Amino acid sequence: KSKFKQLKKEMEVKIEEQVQAETQEFFEAAATDGQTYVSREEFMEYKRSEGISEQEVQAATEAFFAVADKDGDGVVTTEEFAQYKEEEAREAAEAKIQEEA
């Protein structure tokens, strides 16, 4: 049981580090002037820079804001983005555990 607790703690630390890195990377790329939030327009520009079609940009924006904009104010803050990425990372880790079980 203690080995399980140790593995769980290591997973938590890895998730936290991954979330911090992804949050910093995303906001450096998508936010303007070091803001702590990203608007729909900024997110769309960020997605356009990936070279995808305008239809894909629209779909990605709608999907992202539907899950990441927790308070529905039309912007995603660093806190909201980190929460979104943490949920995503936990789901992936749980799926991996289920596969190995």
N, C-alpha and C. Protein backbone atom coordinates (compact mmCIF):
# COMPACT_ATOMS: atom_id res chain seq x y z
N LYS A 1 0.84 -1.21 0.00
CA LYS A 1 0.00 0.00 0.00
C LYS A 1 0.87 1.26 0.00
N SER A 2 1.99 1.20 0.71
CA SER A 2 2.87 2.36 0.76
C SER A 2 3.50 2.63 -0.61
N LYS A 3 3.75 1.55 -1.37
CA LYS A 3 4.29 1.73 -2.73
C LYS A 3 3.24 2.43 -3.61
N PHE A 4 1.98 2.06 -3.44
CA PHE A 4 0.89 2.71 -4.18
C PHE A 4 0.83 4.19 -3.85
N LYS A 5 0.94 4.52 -2.56
CA LYS A 5 0.90 5.93 -2.15
C LYS A 5 2.07 6.70 -2.76
N GLN A 6 3.23 6.07 -2.80
CA GLN A 6 4.42 6.71 -3.37
C GLN A 6 4.22 6.95 -4.87
N LEU A 7 3.70 5.95 -5.57
CA LEU A 7 3.44 6.10 -7.01
C LEU A 7 2.41 7.18 -7.26
N LYS A 8 1.38 7.23 -6.43
CA LYS A 8 0.34 8.24 -6.59
C LYS A 8 0.93 9.63 -6.38
N LYS A 9 1.78 9.78 -5.35
CA LYS A 9 2.41 11.07 -5.08
C LYS A 9 3.31 11.48 -6.26
N GLU A 10 4.07 10.54 -6.80
CA GLU A 10 4.93 10.82 -7.95
C GLU A 10 4.09 11.25 -9.15
N MET A 11 2.95 10.60 -9.35
CA MET A 11 2.06 10.95 -10.46
C MET A 11 1.52 12.37 -10.27
N GLU A 12 1.14 12.71 -9.04
CA GLU A 12 0.63 14.05 -8.75
C GLU A 12 1.67 15.11 -9.07
N VAL A 13 2.91 14.86 -8.68
CA VAL A 13 4.00 15.81 -8.94
C VAL A 13 4.23 15.94 -10.44
N LYS A 14 4.23 14.81 -11.16
CA LYS A 14 4.42 14.85 -12.61
C LYS A 14 3.31 15.64 -13.28
N ILE A 15 2.07 15.41 -12.85
CA ILE A 15 0.94 16.12 -13.44
C ILE A 15 1.09 17.62 -13.18
N GLU A 16 1.42 17.98 -11.95
CA GLU A 16 1.58 19.39 -11.61
C GLU A 16 2.67 20.05 -12.44
N GLU A 17 3.80 19.37 -12.59
CA GLU A 17 4.90 19.92 -13.40
C GLU A 17 4.49 20.05 -14.86
N GLN A 18 3.80 19.03 -15.37
CA GLN A 18 3.35 19.04 -16.77
C GLN A 18 2.37 20.19 -16.99
N VAL A 19 1.43 20.36 -16.07
CA VAL A 19 0.43 21.42 -16.19
C VAL A 19 1.09 22.80 -16.16
N GLN A 20 2.02 23.00 -15.25
CA GLN A 20 2.72 24.28 -15.17
C GLN A 20 3.46 24.59 -16.47
N ALA A 21 4.16 23.59 -17.00
CA ALA A 21 4.92 23.78 -18.24
C ALA A 21 3.99 24.07 -19.42
N GLU A 22 2.90 23.31 -19.53
CA GLU A 22 1.98 23.51 -20.64
C GLU A 22 1.26 24.85 -20.54
N THR A 23 0.93 25.25 -19.33
CA THR A 23 0.26 26.53 -19.13
C THR A 23 1.18 27.68 -19.53
N GLN A 24 2.42 27.63 -19.08
CA GLN A 24 3.38 28.67 -19.43
C GLN A 24 3.60 28.73 -20.94
N GLU A 25 3.79 27.57 -21.54
CA GLU A 25 4.04 27.50 -22.99
C GLU A 25 2.84 28.06 -23.77
N PHE A 26 1.64 27.67 -23.38
CA PHE A 26 0.44 28.12 -24.08
C PHE A 26 0.28 29.64 -23.98
N PHE A 27 0.44 30.18 -22.77
CA PHE A 27 0.23 31.62 -22.59
C PHE A 27 1.33 32.45 -23.24
N GLU A 28 2.54 31.92 -23.30
CA GLU A 28 3.60 32.63 -24.02
C GLU A 28 3.27 32.70 -25.50
N ALA A 29 2.66 31.66 -26.04
CA ALA A 29 2.34 31.60 -27.46
C ALA A 29 1.05 32.33 -27.82
N ALA A 30 0.04 32.24 -26.95
CA ALA A 30 -1.29 32.72 -27.32
C ALA A 30 -1.68 34.08 -26.75
N ALA A 31 -1.22 34.40 -25.56
CA ALA A 31 -1.62 35.66 -24.92
C ALA A 31 -0.75 36.81 -25.44
N THR A 32 -1.35 37.98 -25.51
CA THR A 32 -0.57 39.15 -25.94
C THR A 32 -0.11 39.94 -24.72
N ASP A 33 1.07 40.48 -24.82
CA ASP A 33 1.62 41.35 -23.77
C ASP A 33 1.65 40.72 -22.39
N GLY A 34 1.90 39.43 -22.31
CA GLY A 34 2.04 38.78 -21.02
C GLY A 34 0.77 38.73 -20.18
N GLN A 35 -0.37 38.81 -20.83
CA GLN A 35 -1.66 38.75 -20.10
C GLN A 35 -1.82 37.40 -19.41
N THR A 36 -2.69 37.38 -18.42
CA THR A 36 -2.99 36.15 -17.70
C THR A 36 -4.31 35.55 -18.17
N TYR A 37 -4.75 35.95 -19.35
CA TYR A 37 -5.94 35.36 -19.95
C TYR A 37 -5.79 35.37 -21.47
N VAL A 38 -6.59 34.52 -22.12
CA VAL A 38 -6.61 34.45 -23.58
C VAL A 38 -8.06 34.61 -24.01
N SER A 39 -8.28 35.55 -24.93
CA SER A 39 -9.62 35.76 -25.47
C SER A 39 -9.88 34.78 -26.61
N ARG A 40 -11.13 34.72 -27.04
CA ARG A 40 -11.47 33.88 -28.20
C ARG A 40 -10.66 34.28 -29.41
N GLU A 41 -10.52 35.58 -29.63
CA GLU A 41 -9.78 36.07 -30.80
C GLU A 41 -8.31 35.65 -30.73
N GLU A 42 -7.71 35.77 -29.56
CA GLU A 42 -6.31 35.36 -29.41
C GLU A 42 -6.17 33.86 -29.63
N PHE A 43 -7.12 33.10 -29.10
CA PHE A 43 -7.06 31.65 -29.28
C PHE A 43 -7.18 31.29 -30.76
N MET A 44 -8.08 31.99 -31.46
CA MET A 44 -8.26 31.73 -32.89
C MET A 44 -6.98 32.04 -33.67
N GLU A 45 -6.32 33.14 -33.33
CA GLU A 45 -5.05 33.48 -33.99
C GLU A 45 -3.99 32.41 -33.71
N TYR A 46 -3.97 31.94 -32.46
CA TYR A 46 -3.04 30.89 -32.07
C TYR A 46 -3.29 29.63 -32.91
N LYS A 47 -4.55 29.25 -33.07
CA LYS A 47 -4.89 28.06 -33.86
C LYS A 47 -4.59 28.28 -35.34
N ARG A 48 -4.84 29.49 -35.83
CA ARG A 48 -4.54 29.78 -37.25
C ARG A 48 -3.04 29.60 -37.53
N SER A 49 -2.22 29.92 -36.55
CA SER A 49 -0.77 29.79 -36.73
C SER A 49 -0.34 28.33 -36.90
N GLU A 50 -1.24 27.41 -36.58
CA GLU A 50 -0.95 25.98 -36.77
C GLU A 50 -1.22 25.54 -38.21
N GLY A 51 -1.76 26.47 -39.03
CA GLY A 51 -1.98 26.16 -40.43
C GLY A 51 -3.21 25.31 -40.70
N ILE A 52 -4.18 25.33 -39.80
CA ILE A 52 -5.39 24.55 -40.02
C ILE A 52 -6.45 25.42 -40.70
N SER A 53 -7.48 24.77 -41.24
CA SER A 53 -8.51 25.51 -41.96
C SER A 53 -9.33 26.39 -41.00
N GLU A 54 -10.00 27.38 -41.57
CA GLU A 54 -10.82 28.27 -40.75
C GLU A 54 -11.94 27.49 -40.05
N GLN A 55 -12.47 26.50 -40.72
CA GLN A 55 -13.51 25.66 -40.10
C GLN A 55 -12.95 24.91 -38.89
N GLU A 56 -11.73 24.41 -39.02
CA GLU A 56 -11.08 23.72 -37.90
C GLU A 56 -10.77 24.70 -36.76
N VAL A 57 -10.37 25.92 -37.12
CA VAL A 57 -10.12 26.95 -36.11
C VAL A 57 -11.40 27.22 -35.31
N GLN A 58 -12.50 27.40 -36.02
CA GLN A 58 -13.79 27.66 -35.37
C GLN A 58 -14.18 26.50 -34.45
N ALA A 59 -14.07 25.28 -34.96
CA ALA A 59 -14.45 24.10 -34.18
C ALA A 59 -13.56 23.95 -32.94
N ALA A 60 -12.26 24.15 -33.12
CA ALA A 60 -11.33 24.03 -31.99
C ALA A 60 -11.62 25.09 -30.94
N THR A 61 -11.94 26.30 -31.39
CA THR A 61 -12.24 27.40 -30.47
C THR A 61 -13.48 27.09 -29.66
N GLU A 62 -14.53 26.65 -30.33
CA GLU A 62 -15.78 26.32 -29.63
C GLU A 62 -15.55 25.20 -28.62
N ALA A 63 -14.86 24.16 -29.05
CA ALA A 63 -14.61 23.02 -28.16
C ALA A 63 -13.76 23.44 -26.96
N PHE A 64 -12.71 24.21 -27.21
CA PHE A 64 -11.81 24.63 -26.13
C PHE A 64 -12.55 25.51 -25.12
N PHE A 65 -13.26 26.50 -25.60
CA PHE A 65 -13.95 27.40 -24.67
C PHE A 65 -15.09 26.71 -23.93
N ALA A 66 -15.71 25.71 -24.55
CA ALA A 66 -16.78 24.97 -23.89
C ALA A 66 -16.28 24.26 -22.63
N VAL A 67 -15.04 23.78 -22.67
CA VAL A 67 -14.52 23.06 -21.50
C VAL A 67 -13.57 23.88 -20.64
N ALA A 68 -12.84 24.82 -21.22
CA ALA A 68 -11.81 25.54 -20.47
C ALA A 68 -12.31 26.83 -19.83
N ASP A 69 -13.29 27.49 -20.44
CA ASP A 69 -13.81 28.75 -19.89
C ASP A 69 -14.83 28.43 -18.80
N LYS A 70 -14.32 28.13 -17.62
CA LYS A 70 -15.15 27.63 -16.52
C LYS A 70 -16.26 28.59 -16.10
N ASP A 71 -15.99 29.89 -16.12
CA ASP A 71 -17.00 30.86 -15.66
C ASP A 71 -17.78 31.49 -16.81
N GLY A 72 -17.47 31.09 -18.05
CA GLY A 72 -18.23 31.54 -19.20
C GLY A 72 -18.10 33.02 -19.53
N ASP A 73 -16.99 33.65 -19.14
CA ASP A 73 -16.84 35.09 -19.39
C ASP A 73 -16.18 35.42 -20.72
N GLY A 74 -15.90 34.39 -21.53
CA GLY A 74 -15.35 34.64 -22.86
C GLY A 74 -13.84 34.71 -22.92
N VAL A 75 -13.17 34.54 -21.79
CA VAL A 75 -11.72 34.45 -21.75
C VAL A 75 -11.32 33.24 -20.92
N VAL A 76 -10.16 32.70 -21.20
CA VAL A 76 -9.62 31.59 -20.41
C VAL A 76 -8.41 32.13 -19.66
N THR A 77 -8.49 32.11 -18.34
CA THR A 77 -7.39 32.59 -17.50
C THR A 77 -6.35 31.49 -17.32
N THR A 78 -5.20 31.87 -16.79
CA THR A 78 -4.17 30.87 -16.51
C THR A 78 -4.71 29.82 -15.55
N GLU A 79 -5.51 30.23 -14.57
CA GLU A 79 -6.07 29.28 -13.61
C GLU A 79 -7.03 28.31 -14.29
N GLU A 80 -7.89 28.84 -15.16
CA GLU A 80 -8.84 27.98 -15.88
C GLU A 80 -8.09 27.01 -16.79
N PHE A 81 -7.07 27.51 -17.48
CA PHE A 81 -6.31 26.66 -18.39
C PHE A 81 -5.61 25.56 -17.61
N ALA A 82 -5.00 25.91 -16.48
CA ALA A 82 -4.31 24.92 -15.66
C ALA A 82 -5.29 23.86 -15.16
N GLN A 83 -6.47 24.29 -14.75
CA GLN A 83 -7.50 23.34 -14.29
C GLN A 83 -7.90 22.40 -15.42
N TYR A 84 -8.11 22.98 -16.61
CA TYR A 84 -8.46 22.18 -17.79
C TYR A 84 -7.37 21.15 -18.09
N LYS A 85 -6.11 21.57 -18.10
CA LYS A 85 -5.01 20.66 -18.40
C LYS A 85 -4.83 19.60 -17.31
N GLU A 86 -5.07 19.99 -16.06
CA GLU A 86 -4.96 19.04 -14.96
C GLU A 86 -6.03 17.95 -15.10
N GLU A 87 -7.24 18.34 -15.42
CA GLU A 87 -8.32 17.36 -15.62
C GLU A 87 -7.96 16.43 -16.78
N GLU A 88 -7.45 17.00 -17.85
CA GLU A 88 -7.05 16.21 -19.02
C GLU A 88 -5.94 15.22 -18.64
N ALA A 89 -4.95 15.68 -17.90
CA ALA A 89 -3.82 14.82 -17.50
C ALA A 89 -4.27 13.72 -16.56
N ARG A 90 -5.17 14.03 -15.62
CA ARG A 90 -5.68 13.01 -14.70
C ARG A 90 -6.47 11.94 -15.46
N GLU A 91 -7.29 12.37 -16.41
CA GLU A 91 -8.06 11.41 -17.20
C GLU A 91 -7.13 10.49 -17.98
N ALA A 92 -6.07 11.05 -18.55
CA ALA A 92 -5.10 10.25 -19.31
C ALA A 92 -4.38 9.27 -18.38
N ALA A 93 -4.00 9.73 -17.19
CA ALA A 93 -3.30 8.87 -16.24
C ALA A 93 -4.22 7.74 -15.77
N GLU A 94 -5.48 8.05 -15.50
CA GLU A 94 -6.43 7.03 -15.07
C GLU A 94 -6.67 6.01 -16.18
N ALA A 95 -6.75 6.48 -17.42
CA ALA A 95 -6.93 5.56 -18.55
C ALA A 95 -5.73 4.63 -18.68
N LYS A 96 -4.54 5.17 -18.47
CA LYS A 96 -3.33 4.35 -18.57
C LYS A 96 -3.32 3.30 -17.46
N ILE A 97 -3.74 3.69 -16.26
CA ILE A 97 -3.79 2.75 -15.14
C ILE A 97 -4.79 1.63 -15.44
N GLN A 98 -5.93 2.01 -16.02
CA GLN A 98 -6.94 1.00 -16.37
C GLN A 98 -6.40 0.03 -17.42
N GLU A 99 -5.64 0.55 -18.38
CA GLU A 99 -5.06 -0.31 -19.42
C GLU A 99 -4.10 -1.33 -18.81
N GLU A 100 -3.34 -0.89 -17.81
CA GLU A 100 -2.32 -1.75 -17.22
C GLU A 100 -2.90 -2.71 -16.18
N ALA A 101 -4.12 -2.44 -15.73
CA ALA A 101 -4.73 -3.28 -14.68
C ALA A 101 -5.23 -4.60 -15.23
